[in-house]
Amino acid sequence: MKVFQVAAVCGMVLALVGCSGGGGGQQRGLFTGYVMEKTEQEVEAKVGKPDSVDSSNPNTPKWIYKKKTFDPDNLNQVDNETILIFQKGAGGTLKVTQVIFG
């Protein structure tokens, strides 16, 4: 009987772990790896269109994603915003140079 109880508890723990986190989509580190030094077209192909774009400074446009990432070091808390900052590289092409989680 004790073996059955231990197995049941283990099953519940596994089910809860499987349901936790990820509600925000992608883990911060993976998301950063997908977008750093990528062009707008490459970012859109990999992680989708942003929820909004701030083009007030055409040399450093910002793409804003809502609830797209989560922080695995903080109980998988979902980030309200993930901001990608693009800057022109040596060839004049806009590429992601910074990712800000908030």
N, C-alpha and C. Protein backbone atom coordinates (compact mmCIF):
# COMPACT_ATOMS: atom_id res chain seq x y z
N MET A 1 0.82 -1.19 0.00
CA MET A 1 0.00 0.00 0.00
C MET A 1 0.87 1.27 0.00
N LYS A 2 1.97 1.22 0.76
CA LYS A 2 2.86 2.38 0.84
C LYS A 2 3.48 2.67 -0.53
N VAL A 3 3.79 1.63 -1.29
CA VAL A 3 4.36 1.81 -2.63
C VAL A 3 3.36 2.52 -3.53
N PHE A 4 2.11 2.16 -3.41
CA PHE A 4 1.06 2.81 -4.21
C PHE A 4 0.96 4.30 -3.87
N GLN A 5 1.03 4.63 -2.57
CA GLN A 5 0.95 6.03 -2.16
C GLN A 5 2.13 6.84 -2.69
N VAL A 6 3.32 6.26 -2.63
CA VAL A 6 4.51 6.95 -3.13
C VAL A 6 4.39 7.16 -4.64
N ALA A 7 3.92 6.16 -5.35
CA ALA A 7 3.74 6.27 -6.79
C ALA A 7 2.70 7.35 -7.13
N ALA A 8 1.63 7.41 -6.36
CA ALA A 8 0.59 8.41 -6.60
C ALA A 8 1.13 9.82 -6.37
N VAL A 9 1.90 10.01 -5.31
CA VAL A 9 2.48 11.32 -5.03
C VAL A 9 3.46 11.70 -6.13
N CYS A 10 4.29 10.78 -6.57
CA CYS A 10 5.24 11.05 -7.66
C CYS A 10 4.50 11.43 -8.94
N GLY A 11 3.42 10.75 -9.22
CA GLY A 11 2.63 11.07 -10.41
C GLY A 11 2.03 12.46 -10.34
N MET A 12 1.55 12.85 -9.16
CA MET A 12 0.98 14.19 -9.02
C MET A 12 2.06 15.26 -9.17
N VAL A 13 3.22 15.00 -8.60
CA VAL A 13 4.32 15.97 -8.72
C VAL A 13 4.71 16.13 -10.19
N LEU A 14 4.85 15.04 -10.91
CA LEU A 14 5.19 15.12 -12.33
C LEU A 14 4.13 15.86 -13.13
N ALA A 15 2.88 15.64 -12.81
CA ALA A 15 1.79 16.34 -13.51
C ALA A 15 1.85 17.84 -13.24
N LEU A 16 2.11 18.23 -12.00
CA LEU A 16 2.20 19.65 -11.67
C LEU A 16 3.40 20.30 -12.34
N VAL A 17 4.52 19.62 -12.37
CA VAL A 17 5.72 20.16 -13.01
C VAL A 17 5.46 20.34 -14.51
N GLY A 18 4.79 19.41 -15.10
CA GLY A 18 4.49 19.50 -16.53
C GLY A 18 3.55 20.65 -16.86
N CYS A 19 2.71 21.04 -15.92
CA CYS A 19 1.76 22.11 -16.14
C CYS A 19 2.30 23.49 -15.78
N SER A 20 3.40 23.53 -15.06
CA SER A 20 3.91 24.83 -14.62
C SER A 20 4.78 25.47 -15.66
N GLY A 21 4.91 26.79 -15.55
CA GLY A 21 5.81 27.54 -16.42
C GLY A 21 5.41 27.45 -17.87
N GLY A 22 6.20 28.10 -18.70
CA GLY A 22 5.96 28.04 -20.13
C GLY A 22 4.71 28.76 -20.57
N GLY A 23 3.90 29.27 -19.61
CA GLY A 23 2.70 29.98 -19.99
C GLY A 23 3.04 31.22 -20.80
N GLY A 24 4.27 31.69 -20.62
CA GLY A 24 4.70 32.87 -21.33
C GLY A 24 5.36 32.53 -22.65
N GLY A 25 5.36 31.28 -23.01
CA GLY A 25 5.95 30.92 -24.28
C GLY A 25 7.33 30.34 -24.17
N GLN A 26 8.36 31.19 -24.22
CA GLN A 26 9.72 30.69 -24.31
C GLN A 26 10.57 31.13 -23.13
N GLN A 27 11.48 30.26 -22.77
CA GLN A 27 12.43 30.56 -21.71
C GLN A 27 13.35 31.68 -22.17
N ARG A 28 13.70 32.57 -21.26
CA ARG A 28 14.49 33.76 -21.60
C ARG A 28 15.76 33.43 -22.38
N GLY A 29 16.52 32.48 -21.91
CA GLY A 29 17.79 32.15 -22.56
C GLY A 29 17.61 31.65 -23.98
N LEU A 30 16.62 30.79 -24.20
CA LEU A 30 16.35 30.29 -25.55
C LEU A 30 15.90 31.42 -26.46
N PHE A 31 15.00 32.25 -25.96
CA PHE A 31 14.50 33.37 -26.75
C PHE A 31 15.64 34.29 -27.16
N THR A 32 16.52 34.62 -26.21
CA THR A 32 17.66 35.48 -26.51
C THR A 32 18.54 34.85 -27.58
N GLY A 33 18.78 33.56 -27.46
CA GLY A 33 19.59 32.87 -28.47
C GLY A 33 18.95 32.90 -29.85
N TYR A 34 17.63 32.86 -29.90
CA TYR A 34 16.92 32.90 -31.18
C TYR A 34 17.04 34.25 -31.88
N VAL A 35 17.13 35.34 -31.10
CA VAL A 35 17.01 36.67 -31.71
C VAL A 35 18.29 37.49 -31.79
N MET A 36 19.26 37.24 -30.93
CA MET A 36 20.46 38.08 -30.92
C MET A 36 21.19 38.05 -32.26
N GLU A 37 21.55 39.26 -32.72
CA GLU A 37 22.28 39.45 -33.97
C GLU A 37 21.50 39.00 -35.20
N LYS A 38 20.17 38.92 -35.07
CA LYS A 38 19.31 38.52 -36.19
C LYS A 38 18.62 39.75 -36.79
N THR A 39 18.29 39.65 -38.07
CA THR A 39 17.57 40.72 -38.76
C THR A 39 16.09 40.66 -38.39
N GLU A 40 15.37 41.70 -38.79
CA GLU A 40 13.92 41.73 -38.53
C GLU A 40 13.22 40.52 -39.15
N GLN A 41 13.60 40.19 -40.37
CA GLN A 41 12.98 39.05 -41.06
C GLN A 41 13.29 37.73 -40.34
N GLU A 42 14.52 37.58 -39.88
CA GLU A 42 14.90 36.35 -39.18
C GLU A 42 14.17 36.23 -37.84
N VAL A 43 14.04 37.34 -37.14
CA VAL A 43 13.33 37.33 -35.85
C VAL A 43 11.86 36.97 -36.06
N GLU A 44 11.24 37.61 -37.03
CA GLU A 44 9.82 37.33 -37.29
C GLU A 44 9.60 35.88 -37.68
N ALA A 45 10.51 35.31 -38.46
CA ALA A 45 10.38 33.91 -38.86
C ALA A 45 10.53 32.97 -37.67
N LYS A 46 11.36 33.33 -36.72
CA LYS A 46 11.64 32.43 -35.59
C LYS A 46 10.66 32.58 -34.43
N VAL A 47 10.31 33.83 -34.06
CA VAL A 47 9.47 34.03 -32.88
C VAL A 47 8.15 34.74 -33.15
N GLY A 48 7.91 35.11 -34.40
CA GLY A 48 6.64 35.74 -34.76
C GLY A 48 6.69 37.26 -34.75
N LYS A 49 5.57 37.84 -35.15
CA LYS A 49 5.46 39.30 -35.22
C LYS A 49 5.34 39.88 -33.81
N PRO A 50 5.89 41.07 -33.61
CA PRO A 50 5.76 41.70 -32.30
C PRO A 50 4.35 42.21 -32.07
N ASP A 51 4.02 42.45 -30.81
CA ASP A 51 2.71 43.02 -30.47
C ASP A 51 2.66 44.50 -30.82
N SER A 52 3.82 45.16 -30.72
CA SER A 52 3.90 46.56 -31.12
C SER A 52 5.34 46.89 -31.50
N VAL A 53 5.49 48.01 -32.23
CA VAL A 53 6.80 48.47 -32.68
C VAL A 53 6.94 49.94 -32.32
N ASP A 54 8.09 50.30 -31.74
CA ASP A 54 8.41 51.69 -31.45
C ASP A 54 9.46 52.13 -32.46
N SER A 55 9.04 52.91 -33.44
CA SER A 55 9.94 53.39 -34.50
C SER A 55 10.26 54.87 -34.32
N SER A 56 10.12 55.38 -33.11
CA SER A 56 10.38 56.80 -32.88
C SER A 56 11.82 57.18 -33.20
N ASN A 57 12.74 56.24 -33.05
CA ASN A 57 14.13 56.45 -33.47
C ASN A 57 14.42 55.41 -34.56
N PRO A 58 14.46 55.82 -35.83
CA PRO A 58 14.63 54.84 -36.92
C PRO A 58 15.96 54.11 -36.89
N ASN A 59 16.95 54.64 -36.17
CA ASN A 59 18.24 53.96 -36.07
C ASN A 59 18.25 52.85 -35.03
N THR A 60 17.30 52.91 -34.09
CA THR A 60 17.19 51.87 -33.06
C THR A 60 15.72 51.53 -32.80
N PRO A 61 15.06 50.92 -33.77
CA PRO A 61 13.66 50.52 -33.53
C PRO A 61 13.57 49.47 -32.44
N LYS A 62 12.42 49.44 -31.76
CA LYS A 62 12.19 48.48 -30.69
C LYS A 62 10.95 47.66 -31.01
N TRP A 63 11.09 46.36 -30.90
CA TRP A 63 9.95 45.47 -31.04
C TRP A 63 9.54 45.04 -29.65
N ILE A 64 8.25 45.10 -29.37
CA ILE A 64 7.74 44.75 -28.05
C ILE A 64 6.81 43.54 -28.17
N TYR A 65 7.15 42.51 -27.39
CA TYR A 65 6.32 41.31 -27.30
C TYR A 65 5.67 41.29 -25.92
N LYS A 66 4.42 40.89 -25.85
CA LYS A 66 3.69 40.79 -24.59
C LYS A 66 3.58 39.32 -24.18
N LYS A 67 4.00 39.05 -22.95
CA LYS A 67 3.87 37.71 -22.35
C LYS A 67 4.42 36.62 -23.27
N LYS A 68 5.58 36.87 -23.84
CA LYS A 68 6.20 35.95 -24.79
C LYS A 68 7.26 35.07 -24.12
N THR A 69 7.83 35.53 -23.00
CA THR A 69 8.91 34.81 -22.35
C THR A 69 8.62 34.61 -20.87
N PHE A 70 9.40 33.68 -20.26
CA PHE A 70 9.29 33.47 -18.82
C PHE A 70 10.68 33.29 -18.22
N ASP A 71 10.77 33.55 -16.91
CA ASP A 71 12.04 33.53 -16.19
C ASP A 71 12.17 32.23 -15.40
N PRO A 72 13.01 31.30 -15.86
CA PRO A 72 13.14 30.02 -15.16
C PRO A 72 13.81 30.15 -13.79
N ASP A 73 14.50 31.25 -13.56
CA ASP A 73 15.16 31.46 -12.27
C ASP A 73 14.25 32.13 -11.26
N ASN A 74 13.02 32.43 -11.65
CA ASN A 74 12.07 33.09 -10.77
C ASN A 74 10.72 32.37 -10.84
N LEU A 75 10.76 31.07 -10.59
CA LEU A 75 9.55 30.23 -10.58
C LEU A 75 8.76 30.32 -11.89
N ASN A 76 9.48 30.48 -13.00
CA ASN A 76 8.86 30.54 -14.33
C ASN A 76 7.86 31.67 -14.47
N GLN A 77 8.11 32.76 -13.76
CA GLN A 77 7.21 33.92 -13.86
C GLN A 77 7.26 34.49 -15.28
N VAL A 78 6.09 34.76 -15.81
CA VAL A 78 5.96 35.27 -17.17
C VAL A 78 6.34 36.75 -17.20
N ASP A 79 7.14 37.13 -18.19
CA ASP A 79 7.52 38.52 -18.38
C ASP A 79 6.36 39.26 -19.04
N ASN A 80 5.99 40.41 -18.50
CA ASN A 80 4.92 41.20 -19.11
C ASN A 80 5.31 41.68 -20.50
N GLU A 81 6.57 42.11 -20.63
CA GLU A 81 7.08 42.58 -21.92
C GLU A 81 8.47 42.04 -22.17
N THR A 82 8.75 41.81 -23.42
CA THR A 82 10.09 41.49 -23.88
C THR A 82 10.38 42.45 -25.02
N ILE A 83 11.43 43.26 -24.85
CA ILE A 83 11.73 44.30 -25.82
C ILE A 83 13.02 43.95 -26.56
N LEU A 84 12.94 43.97 -27.88
CA LEU A 84 14.12 43.75 -28.72
C LEU A 84 14.56 45.10 -29.27
N ILE A 85 15.82 45.42 -29.11
CA ILE A 85 16.35 46.67 -29.63
C ILE A 85 17.25 46.34 -30.82
N PHE A 86 16.90 46.92 -31.95
CA PHE A 86 17.67 46.73 -33.19
C PHE A 86 18.61 47.91 -33.38
N GLN A 87 19.78 47.64 -33.96
CA GLN A 87 20.71 48.70 -34.35
C GLN A 87 21.34 48.32 -35.67
N LYS A 88 21.75 49.34 -36.42
CA LYS A 88 22.39 49.08 -37.71
C LYS A 88 23.80 48.55 -37.49
N GLY A 89 24.09 47.47 -38.20
CA GLY A 89 25.42 46.88 -38.15
C GLY A 89 26.34 47.52 -39.18
N ALA A 90 27.53 46.94 -39.34
CA ALA A 90 28.53 47.46 -40.27
C ALA A 90 27.99 47.53 -41.69
N GLY A 91 27.18 46.58 -42.09
CA GLY A 91 26.62 46.55 -43.44
C GLY A 91 25.37 47.39 -43.60
N GLY A 92 24.96 48.09 -42.54
CA GLY A 92 23.77 48.92 -42.62
C GLY A 92 22.48 48.17 -42.35
N THR A 93 22.57 46.88 -42.03
CA THR A 93 21.39 46.07 -41.76
C THR A 93 21.03 46.14 -40.28
N LEU A 94 19.74 46.30 -40.01
CA LEU A 94 19.27 46.30 -38.62
C LEU A 94 19.33 44.89 -38.05
N LYS A 95 19.95 44.78 -36.86
CA LYS A 95 20.02 43.50 -36.16
C LYS A 95 19.78 43.72 -34.69
N VAL A 96 19.27 42.69 -34.01
CA VAL A 96 19.02 42.78 -32.57
C VAL A 96 20.35 42.86 -31.83
N THR A 97 20.49 43.89 -30.98
CA THR A 97 21.70 44.06 -30.18
C THR A 97 21.43 43.93 -28.69
N GLN A 98 20.13 43.99 -28.31
CA GLN A 98 19.81 43.93 -26.89
C GLN A 98 18.41 43.37 -26.70
N VAL A 99 18.25 42.58 -25.64
CA VAL A 99 16.93 42.06 -25.25
C VAL A 99 16.69 42.49 -23.80
N ILE A 100 15.53 43.11 -23.57
CA ILE A 100 15.17 43.57 -22.23
C ILE A 100 13.90 42.85 -21.78
N PHE A 101 13.97 42.23 -20.61
CA PHE A 101 12.81 41.53 -20.06
C PHE A 101 12.19 42.37 -18.95
N GLY A 102 10.87 42.47 -18.96
CA GLY A 102 10.22 43.27 -17.92
C GLY A 102 8.86 42.79 -17.58
